[in-house]
Amino acid sequence: MSHDPDLYRDRNAVERAINKIKDWRGLATRYDKTPTSYEAGLHLRGSVIWLRSLTPPP
């Protein structure tokens, strides 16, 4: 099996995005949550990550 740099780069980006989502304790622990509230948390965390990406770092 040969190394595909494009596939590796895409996989790395996805893994980093998942780790950013899991950094939020509400999603990482997932105690007593219904599927609807868990999905809402995913949307909320995704929105926060996206909004933070719009501003330049200090």
Protein backbone atom coordinates (compact mmCIF):
# COMPACT_ATOMS: atom_id res chain seq x y z
CA MET A 1 0.00 0.00 0.00
CA SER A 2 1.51 3.32 -1.05
CA HIS A 3 1.33 6.61 0.81
CA ASP A 4 -1.21 9.06 -0.62
CA PRO A 5 -0.40 12.58 0.66
CA ASP A 6 -3.77 14.04 -0.38
CA LEU A 7 -5.71 11.34 1.43
CA TYR A 8 -3.50 11.73 4.51
CA ARG A 9 -4.03 15.51 4.55
CA ASP A 10 -7.82 15.10 4.32
CA ARG A 11 -7.88 12.45 7.04
CA ASN A 12 -5.74 14.63 9.30
CA ALA A 13 -8.11 17.59 8.82
CA VAL A 14 -11.12 15.44 9.74
CA GLU A 15 -9.40 14.04 12.84
CA ARG A 16 -8.47 17.53 14.03
CA ALA A 17 -12.07 18.71 13.52
CA ILE A 18 -13.40 15.78 15.54
CA ASN A 19 -10.92 16.54 18.32
CA LYS A 20 -12.08 20.17 18.42
CA ILE A 21 -15.67 18.99 18.76
CA LYS A 22 -14.75 16.54 21.52
CA ASP A 23 -12.87 19.25 23.44
CA TRP A 24 -16.27 20.55 24.56
CA ARG A 25 -17.07 18.64 27.73
CA GLY A 26 -20.80 18.55 27.03
CA LEU A 27 -20.24 16.38 23.98
CA ALA A 28 -17.26 14.44 25.28
CA THR A 29 -19.11 13.05 28.32
CA ARG A 30 -22.56 12.66 26.77
CA TYR A 31 -24.31 11.84 30.02
CA ASP A 32 -28.14 11.58 29.97
CA LYS A 33 -28.65 13.14 26.59
CA THR A 34 -31.31 12.39 24.07
CA PRO A 35 -30.28 12.06 20.42
CA THR A 36 -31.97 15.38 19.69
CA SER A 37 -30.08 17.30 22.37
CA TYR A 38 -26.80 15.62 21.35
CA GLU A 39 -27.33 16.70 17.73
CA ALA A 40 -28.15 20.22 18.91
CA GLY A 41 -24.88 20.24 20.86
CA LEU A 42 -23.01 19.17 17.73
CA HIS A 43 -24.55 22.04 15.78
CA LEU A 44 -23.80 24.49 18.56
CA ARG A 45 -20.17 23.38 18.88
CA GLY A 46 -19.74 23.45 15.09
CA SER A 47 -21.11 27.00 15.00
CA VAL A 48 -18.72 28.14 17.73
CA ILE A 49 -15.74 26.60 15.93
CA TRP A 50 -16.81 28.23 12.66
CA LEU A 51 -17.34 31.66 14.25
CA ARG A 52 -13.92 31.51 15.93
CA SER A 53 -12.32 30.67 12.59
CA LEU A 54 -13.67 33.92 11.12
CA THR A 55 -11.64 36.13 13.45
CA PRO A 56 -7.87 36.39 13.12
CA PRO A 57 -5.83 35.01 16.01
CA PRO A 58 -4.45 37.60 18.46
